């Protein structure tokens, strides 16, 4: 029998390895970077890092497949594409390279709790992005219109940065958005009424900014909203008597503004799931509505430093879950 018809042991081992690679598709059996776009985009991102005190990127080198780099997750089938970049809390410093905007299969980008500076990265190609966490950095920019290209975005967190300018009205194009956290920036202008168009919105935190004007009536018409935090701004006006579509609301934070007027008499009836009411340091006057005693889930009623008159409603005795009642003047 000729030799070529007798497979060598080495050849058999190679065949078995290839079969194993095919069967266990998640195992990258070589360091060959079969998607050069993602590979080079990640390396460009690394070039923007000026400090990595915890060595988070120490294994980001070509000898290791990029899907095994720290903070990187990839799709489970070929071609392996980056679906998650999560480097939260690594004390990384530098600028966020816009090369991350070329990771077009990315679903989660979490670079929060670092020390990044400079502008927001250009992410207009990331149409698969679900979760964007860039909070607790030192980013300086305005919220640009390209953000609306991320049409699958579910949660947006740009909190605790140095962002300026207005909240763009076309943020309402993000039809799947469930949470917006812009807390702790330098945003100015008015709250866009277009937020009403975000029917999936559950959480909105615009607190600790420089927003002004009145709260648009449309905010009180977001159907499934659970938390509204607009505290520590320069908002004026009052709370309308007509807000009846907030039956899911659990947290309402309007403290430290310039809001005034009387509280709606039916506030406790139309907010049956309310757990926390924060209206302190405003200009509200009149009596505290008796209906608040009907909001049986209330745990915190924080109304200090206002102009209320009268007595504490006896209905407050029904609030069995109440832990904090602050009416200090």
Protein backbone atom coordinates (compact mmCIF):
# COMPACT_ATOMS: atom_id res chain seq x y z
CA UNK A 1 0.00 0.00 0.00
CA UNK A 2 1.41 3.38 -0.90
CA UNK A 3 2.37 5.70 1.93
CA UNK A 4 -0.04 8.49 0.96
CA UNK A 5 -2.99 6.19 1.67
CA UNK A 6 -1.82 5.76 5.29
CA UNK A 7 -2.55 8.94 7.24
CA UNK A 8 0.14 9.86 9.73
CA UNK A 9 -0.58 10.30 13.42
CA UNK A 10 0.14 14.02 13.06
CA UNK A 11 -2.42 14.37 10.28
CA UNK A 12 -5.01 12.54 12.36
CA UNK A 13 -4.39 14.89 15.29
CA UNK A 14 -4.82 17.90 12.99
CA UNK A 15 -8.11 16.52 11.67
CA UNK A 16 -9.37 15.88 15.18
CA UNK A 17 -8.46 19.42 16.22
CA UNK A 18 -10.31 20.87 13.24
CA UNK A 19 -13.36 18.78 14.06
CA UNK A 20 -13.18 19.95 17.66
CA UNK A 21 -12.98 23.56 16.56
CA UNK A 22 -16.03 23.09 14.38
CA UNK A 23 -18.04 21.35 17.10
CA UNK A 24 -17.23 23.81 19.85
CA UNK A 25 -17.78 27.00 17.94
CA UNK A 26 -17.27 29.28 20.92
CA UNK A 27 -13.71 28.09 21.40
CA UNK A 28 -11.28 30.15 19.36
CA UNK A 29 -8.69 27.57 18.41
CA UNK A 30 -6.18 30.04 17.05
CA UNK A 31 -5.14 33.60 17.61
CA UNK A 32 -5.99 34.45 14.01
CA UNK A 33 -8.09 37.60 14.12
CA UNK A 34 -10.70 36.68 11.56
CA UNK A 35 -12.41 40.06 11.83
CA UNK A 36 -9.79 42.70 11.24
CA UNK A 37 -12.23 45.62 11.61
CA UNK A 38 -13.07 44.79 15.23
CA UNK A 39 -9.46 43.87 16.00
CA UNK A 40 -8.05 47.15 14.70
CA UNK A 41 -10.88 49.20 16.23
CA UNK A 42 -10.06 47.81 19.67
CA UNK A 43 -6.35 48.50 19.20
CA UNK A 44 -7.16 52.09 18.21
CA UNK A 45 -9.24 52.40 21.37
CA UNK A 46 -6.29 51.15 23.41
CA UNK A 47 -4.03 53.80 21.85
CA UNK A 48 -6.25 56.48 23.37
CA UNK A 49 -5.63 55.19 26.91
CA UNK A 50 -2.99 57.18 28.77
CA UNK A 51 -3.31 55.46 32.15
CA UNK A 52 -4.33 51.90 33.04
CA UNK A 53 -3.49 51.54 36.76
CA UNK A 54 -5.15 48.14 37.18
CA UNK A 55 -3.72 46.61 34.01
CA UNK A 56 -7.19 46.11 32.55
CA UNK A 57 -5.78 46.10 29.03
CA UNK A 58 -2.65 44.08 29.81
CA UNK A 59 -3.80 41.11 27.72
CA UNK A 60 -4.86 43.25 24.77
CA UNK A 61 -2.16 42.03 22.42
CA UNK A 62 -2.18 40.19 19.07
CA UNK A 63 -0.99 36.92 20.60
CA UNK A 64 -4.44 36.50 22.19
CA UNK A 65 -7.65 36.46 20.19
CA UNK A 66 -9.44 39.76 20.81
CA UNK A 67 -12.57 37.92 21.95
CA UNK A 68 -10.56 36.82 25.00
CA UNK A 69 -9.32 40.31 25.85
CA UNK A 70 -10.41 41.64 29.21
CA UNK A 71 -13.76 43.41 28.98
CA UNK A 72 -14.57 42.09 25.49
CA UNK A 73 -17.36 39.67 24.66
CA UNK A 74 -18.10 38.35 21.19
CA UNK A 75 -20.88 36.63 19.34
CA UNK A 76 -20.89 32.86 19.77
CA UNK A 77 -20.80 32.03 16.06
CA UNK A 78 -18.43 32.86 13.25
CA UNK A 79 -17.44 35.44 12.26
CA UNK A 80 -16.77 36.40 15.86
CA UNK A 81 -17.90 40.01 16.29
CA UNK A 82 -17.58 42.17 19.38
CA UNK A 83 -20.98 42.49 21.07
CA UNK A 84 -19.90 43.95 24.43
CA UNK A 85 -17.13 46.23 25.63
CA UNK A 86 -17.29 46.55 29.41
CA UNK A 87 -14.44 48.30 31.20
CA UNK A 88 -16.40 49.97 33.97
CA UNK A 89 -14.58 51.04 37.12
CA UNK A 90 -11.02 50.46 35.86
CA UNK A 91 -9.77 54.03 36.48
CA UNK A 92 -8.79 54.30 32.84
CA UNK A 93 -7.70 57.74 31.66
CA UNK A 94 -7.40 59.24 28.21
CA UNK A 95 -9.89 59.85 25.43
CA UNK A 96 -12.50 57.46 24.08
CA UNK A 97 -11.50 56.83 20.49
CA UNK A 98 -14.29 57.06 17.95
CA UNK A 99 -12.95 53.75 16.64
CA UNK A 100 -15.42 52.11 19.03
CA UNK A 101 -18.03 53.43 16.64
CA UNK A 102 -16.79 50.87 14.11
CA UNK A 103 -17.77 47.96 16.36
CA UNK A 104 -21.03 47.69 14.46
CA UNK A 105 -22.25 44.52 16.22
CA UNK A 106 -21.90 46.12 19.65
CA UNK A 107 -24.90 45.74 21.97
CA UNK A 108 -23.36 47.00 25.22
CA UNK A 109 -20.78 49.75 25.70
CA UNK A 110 -19.93 50.35 29.35
CA UNK A 111 -17.02 52.70 30.04
CA UNK A 112 -18.56 54.24 33.16
CA UNK A 113 -16.68 55.11 36.35
CA UNK A 114 -13.38 55.93 34.72
CA UNK A 115 -11.47 59.16 34.09
CA UNK A 116 -12.02 59.70 30.37
CA UNK A 117 -11.81 63.26 29.07
CA UNK A 118 -12.61 64.95 25.79
CA UNK A 119 -15.69 64.67 23.60
CA UNK A 120 -18.22 61.90 23.33
CA UNK A 121 -17.14 59.28 20.78
CA UNK A 122 -18.95 59.22 17.45
CA UNK A 123 -21.25 56.21 17.64
CA UNK A 124 -23.65 56.88 14.78
CA UNK A 125 -22.98 53.48 13.15
CA UNK A 126 -23.98 51.47 16.21
CA UNK A 127 -27.53 50.58 15.22
CA UNK A 128 -27.43 47.41 17.35
CA UNK A 129 -26.48 49.24 20.54
CA UNK A 130 -28.85 48.50 23.44
CA UNK A 131 -26.99 49.84 26.47
CA UNK A 132 -24.71 52.90 26.57
CA UNK A 133 -23.02 53.66 29.89
CA UNK A 134 -20.53 56.53 29.84
CA UNK A 135 -21.41 57.99 33.24
CA UNK A 136 -18.96 59.15 35.93
CA UNK A 137 -16.20 60.40 33.65
CA UNK A 138 -14.97 63.88 32.69
CA UNK A 139 -16.40 64.05 29.18
CA UNK A 140 -17.00 67.54 27.77
CA UNK A 141 -19.40 67.87 24.86
CA UNK A 142 -22.95 68.56 23.83
CA UNK A 143 -25.42 65.75 23.24
CA UNK A 144 -25.25 65.47 19.48
CA UNK A 145 -28.00 64.51 17.06
CA UNK A 146 -26.08 61.44 15.85
CA UNK A 147 -27.22 59.70 19.00
CA UNK A 148 -30.62 59.15 17.43
CA UNK A 149 -29.01 56.82 14.87
CA UNK A 150 -28.65 54.31 17.72
CA UNK A 151 -32.26 53.36 17.13
CA UNK A 152 -32.22 50.22 19.33
CA UNK A 153 -30.95 52.02 22.42
CA UNK A 154 -32.77 50.93 25.58
CA UNK A 155 -30.73 52.69 28.28
CA UNK A 156 -28.67 55.88 28.01
CA UNK A 157 -26.42 56.92 30.88
CA UNK A 158 -24.25 60.01 30.42
CA UNK A 159 -24.48 61.09 34.06
CA UNK A 160 -21.78 62.86 36.09
CA UNK A 161 -19.81 64.35 33.22
CA UNK A 162 -19.30 67.92 32.00
CA UNK A 163 -21.86 67.95 29.21
CA UNK A 164 -23.32 71.30 28.17
CA UNK A 165 -25.97 72.61 25.80
CA UNK A 166 -29.57 71.51 25.41
CA UNK A 167 -31.22 68.11 25.48
CA UNK A 168 -31.98 67.53 21.78
CA UNK A 169 -35.72 67.20 21.06
CA UNK A 170 -35.05 64.41 18.58
CA UNK A 171 -34.02 62.16 21.44
CA UNK A 172 -37.64 61.08 21.06
CA UNK A 173 -36.59 59.17 17.93
CA UNK A 174 -35.14 56.52 20.27
CA UNK A 175 -38.43 54.66 20.35
CA UNK A 176 -37.14 51.74 22.46
CA UNK A 177 -35.64 53.88 25.20
CA UNK A 178 -36.57 52.81 28.73
CA UNK A 179 -34.10 54.84 30.76
CA UNK A 180 -32.37 58.23 30.44
CA UNK A 181 -29.82 59.29 33.04
CA UNK A 182 -28.25 62.71 32.45
CA UNK A 183 -27.82 63.55 36.13
CA UNK A 184 -24.96 65.80 37.22
CA UNK A 185 -24.00 67.71 34.08
CA UNK A 186 -24.29 71.34 32.98
CA UNK A 187 -27.23 70.94 30.63
CA UNK A 188 -29.34 74.06 30.11
CA UNK A 189 -32.49 75.07 28.27
CA UNK A 190 -35.89 73.47 28.62
CA UNK A 191 -37.02 69.89 29.02
CA UNK A 192 -38.09 68.76 25.54
CA UNK A 193 -41.85 68.06 25.33
CA UNK A 194 -41.03 65.33 22.81
CA UNK A 195 -40.24 63.01 25.73
CA UNK A 196 -43.96 62.25 25.64
CA UNK A 197 -43.35 60.24 22.46
CA UNK A 198 -41.16 57.75 24.35
CA UNK A 199 -43.97 55.41 25.29
CA UNK A 200 -41.52 52.79 26.61
CA UNK A 201 -39.77 55.21 28.99
CA UNK A 202 -39.61 54.01 32.60
CA UNK A 203 -36.89 56.14 34.18
CA UNK A 204 -35.81 59.73 33.52
CA UNK A 205 -33.18 61.46 35.65
CA UNK A 206 -32.28 64.99 34.58
CA UNK A 207 -31.39 66.17 38.08
CA UNK A 208 -28.50 68.40 39.08
CA UNK A 209 -28.28 70.37 35.84
CA UNK A 210 -29.17 73.94 34.84
CA UNK A 211 -32.50 73.29 33.15
CA UNK A 212 -35.03 76.11 33.22
CA UNK A 213 -38.58 76.91 32.25
CA UNK A 214 -41.64 74.97 33.31
CA UNK A 215 -42.06 71.22 33.29
CA UNK A 216 -43.86 70.42 30.03
CA UNK A 217 -47.32 68.93 30.47
CA UNK A 218 -46.17 66.17 28.14
CA UNK A 219 -43.87 64.83 30.87
CA UNK A 220 -46.95 64.04 32.94
CA UNK A 221 -48.34 62.05 30.01
CA UNK A 222 -45.59 59.44 29.64
CA UNK A 223 -47.76 56.35 30.15
CA UNK A 224 -45.48 53.85 31.92
CA UNK A 225 -43.02 56.12 33.69
CA UNK A 226 -41.84 54.86 37.09
CA UNK A 227 -39.28 57.49 38.12
CA UNK A 228 -39.06 61.20 37.32
CA UNK A 229 -36.14 63.03 38.92
CA UNK A 230 -35.82 66.69 37.94
CA UNK A 231 -34.31 67.90 41.22
CA UNK A 232 -31.66 70.61 41.57
CA UNK A 233 -32.42 72.65 38.47
CA UNK A 234 -33.92 76.08 37.83
CA UNK A 235 -37.42 74.90 36.95
CA UNK A 236 -40.41 77.15 37.55
CA UNK A 237 -44.17 76.84 37.26
CA UNK A 238 -46.10 74.17 39.10
CA UNK A 239 -47.65 70.72 39.03
CA UNK A 240 -50.82 70.66 36.93
CA UNK A 241 -54.12 69.39 38.28
CA UNK A 242 -54.56 67.28 35.17
CA UNK A 243 -51.75 64.75 35.57
CA UNK A 244 -53.75 61.55 35.75
CA UNK A 245 -51.72 59.22 33.52
CA UNK A 246 -48.96 58.40 36.00
CA UNK A 247 -50.41 55.39 37.75
CA UNK A 248 -47.04 53.56 37.48
CA UNK A 249 -44.99 56.38 39.05
CA UNK A 250 -43.00 55.30 42.11
CA UNK A 251 -40.47 58.12 42.58
CA UNK A 252 -41.10 61.83 41.97
CA UNK A 253 -38.16 64.13 42.66
CA UNK A 254 -38.69 67.86 42.09
CA UNK A 255 -36.79 69.27 45.06
CA UNK A 256 -34.47 72.29 44.93
CA UNK A 257 -36.15 74.18 42.11
CA UNK A 258 -38.35 77.28 41.95
CA UNK A 259 -41.65 75.45 41.55
CA UNK A 260 -44.73 76.91 43.20
CA UNK A 261 -48.49 76.86 43.44
CA UNK A 262 -50.64 74.37 45.27
CA UNK A 263 -50.33 70.62 45.02
CA UNK A 264 -53.08 68.82 43.08
CA UNK A 265 -55.83 67.84 45.51
CA UNK A 266 -56.01 64.32 44.01
CA UNK A 267 -52.25 63.67 43.96
CA UNK A 268 -52.50 60.65 46.26
CA UNK A 269 -55.38 59.13 44.31
CA UNK A 270 -53.73 59.26 40.88
CA UNK A 271 -50.34 57.99 42.12
CA UNK A 272 -51.28 54.69 43.80
CA UNK A 273 -47.77 53.19 43.50
CA UNK A 274 -45.88 56.26 44.72
CA UNK A 275 -43.08 55.35 47.15
CA UNK A 276 -41.03 58.54 47.33
CA UNK A 277 -42.22 62.16 47.02
CA UNK A 278 -39.44 64.77 47.08
CA UNK A 279 -40.67 68.37 46.76
CA UNK A 280 -38.41 70.17 49.24
CA UNK A 281 -36.86 73.62 48.77
CA UNK A 282 -39.46 75.04 46.42
CA UNK A 283 -42.23 77.63 46.69
CA UNK A 284 -45.29 75.39 47.09
CA UNK A 285 -48.04 76.83 49.28
CA UNK A 286 -51.49 75.97 50.55
CA UNK A 287 -52.44 72.87 52.49
CA UNK A 288 -50.94 69.43 52.11
CA UNK A 289 -53.53 67.35 50.21
CA UNK A 290 -55.47 64.86 52.30
CA UNK A 291 -55.37 62.44 49.37
CA UNK A 292 -51.68 61.74 50.03
CA UNK A 293 -52.90 59.46 52.79
CA UNK A 294 -54.41 57.24 50.11
CA UNK A 295 -51.01 56.56 48.50
CA UNK A 296 -50.54 53.47 50.64
CA UNK A 297 -47.07 52.62 49.29
CA UNK A 298 -45.48 55.89 50.38
CA UNK A 299 -42.22 55.42 52.27
CA UNK A 300 -40.77 58.95 52.00
CA UNK A 301 -42.62 62.28 52.03
CA UNK A 302 -39.97 65.00 51.86
CA UNK A 303 -41.53 68.48 51.67
CA UNK A 304 -39.25 70.82 53.69
CA UNK A 305 -38.57 74.49 53.00
CA UNK A 306 -41.81 75.37 51.28
CA UNK A 307 -44.69 77.70 52.18
CA UNK A 308 -47.30 75.16 53.24
CA UNK A 309 -49.91 76.12 55.81
CA UNK A 310 -52.37 74.21 57.93
CA UNK A 311 -51.88 70.91 59.72
CA UNK A 312 -50.64 67.47 58.80
CA UNK A 313 -53.60 65.58 57.32
CA UNK A 314 -54.98 62.92 59.65
CA UNK A 315 -55.05 60.57 56.64
CA UNK A 316 -51.27 60.25 57.00
CA UNK A 317 -52.04 57.81 59.80
CA UNK A 318 -53.00 55.33 57.07
CA UNK A 319 -49.48 55.30 55.63
CA UNK A 320 -48.26 52.09 57.25
CA UNK A 321 -45.08 51.99 55.13
CA UNK A 322 -44.04 55.57 55.82
CA UNK A 323 -40.46 55.81 57.11
CA UNK A 324 -39.57 59.47 56.57
CA UNK A 325 -41.86 62.49 56.90
CA UNK A 326 -40.01 65.79 56.58
CA UNK A 327 -42.04 69.00 56.74
CA UNK A 328 -39.31 71.19 58.21
CA UNK A 329 -39.54 74.88 57.41
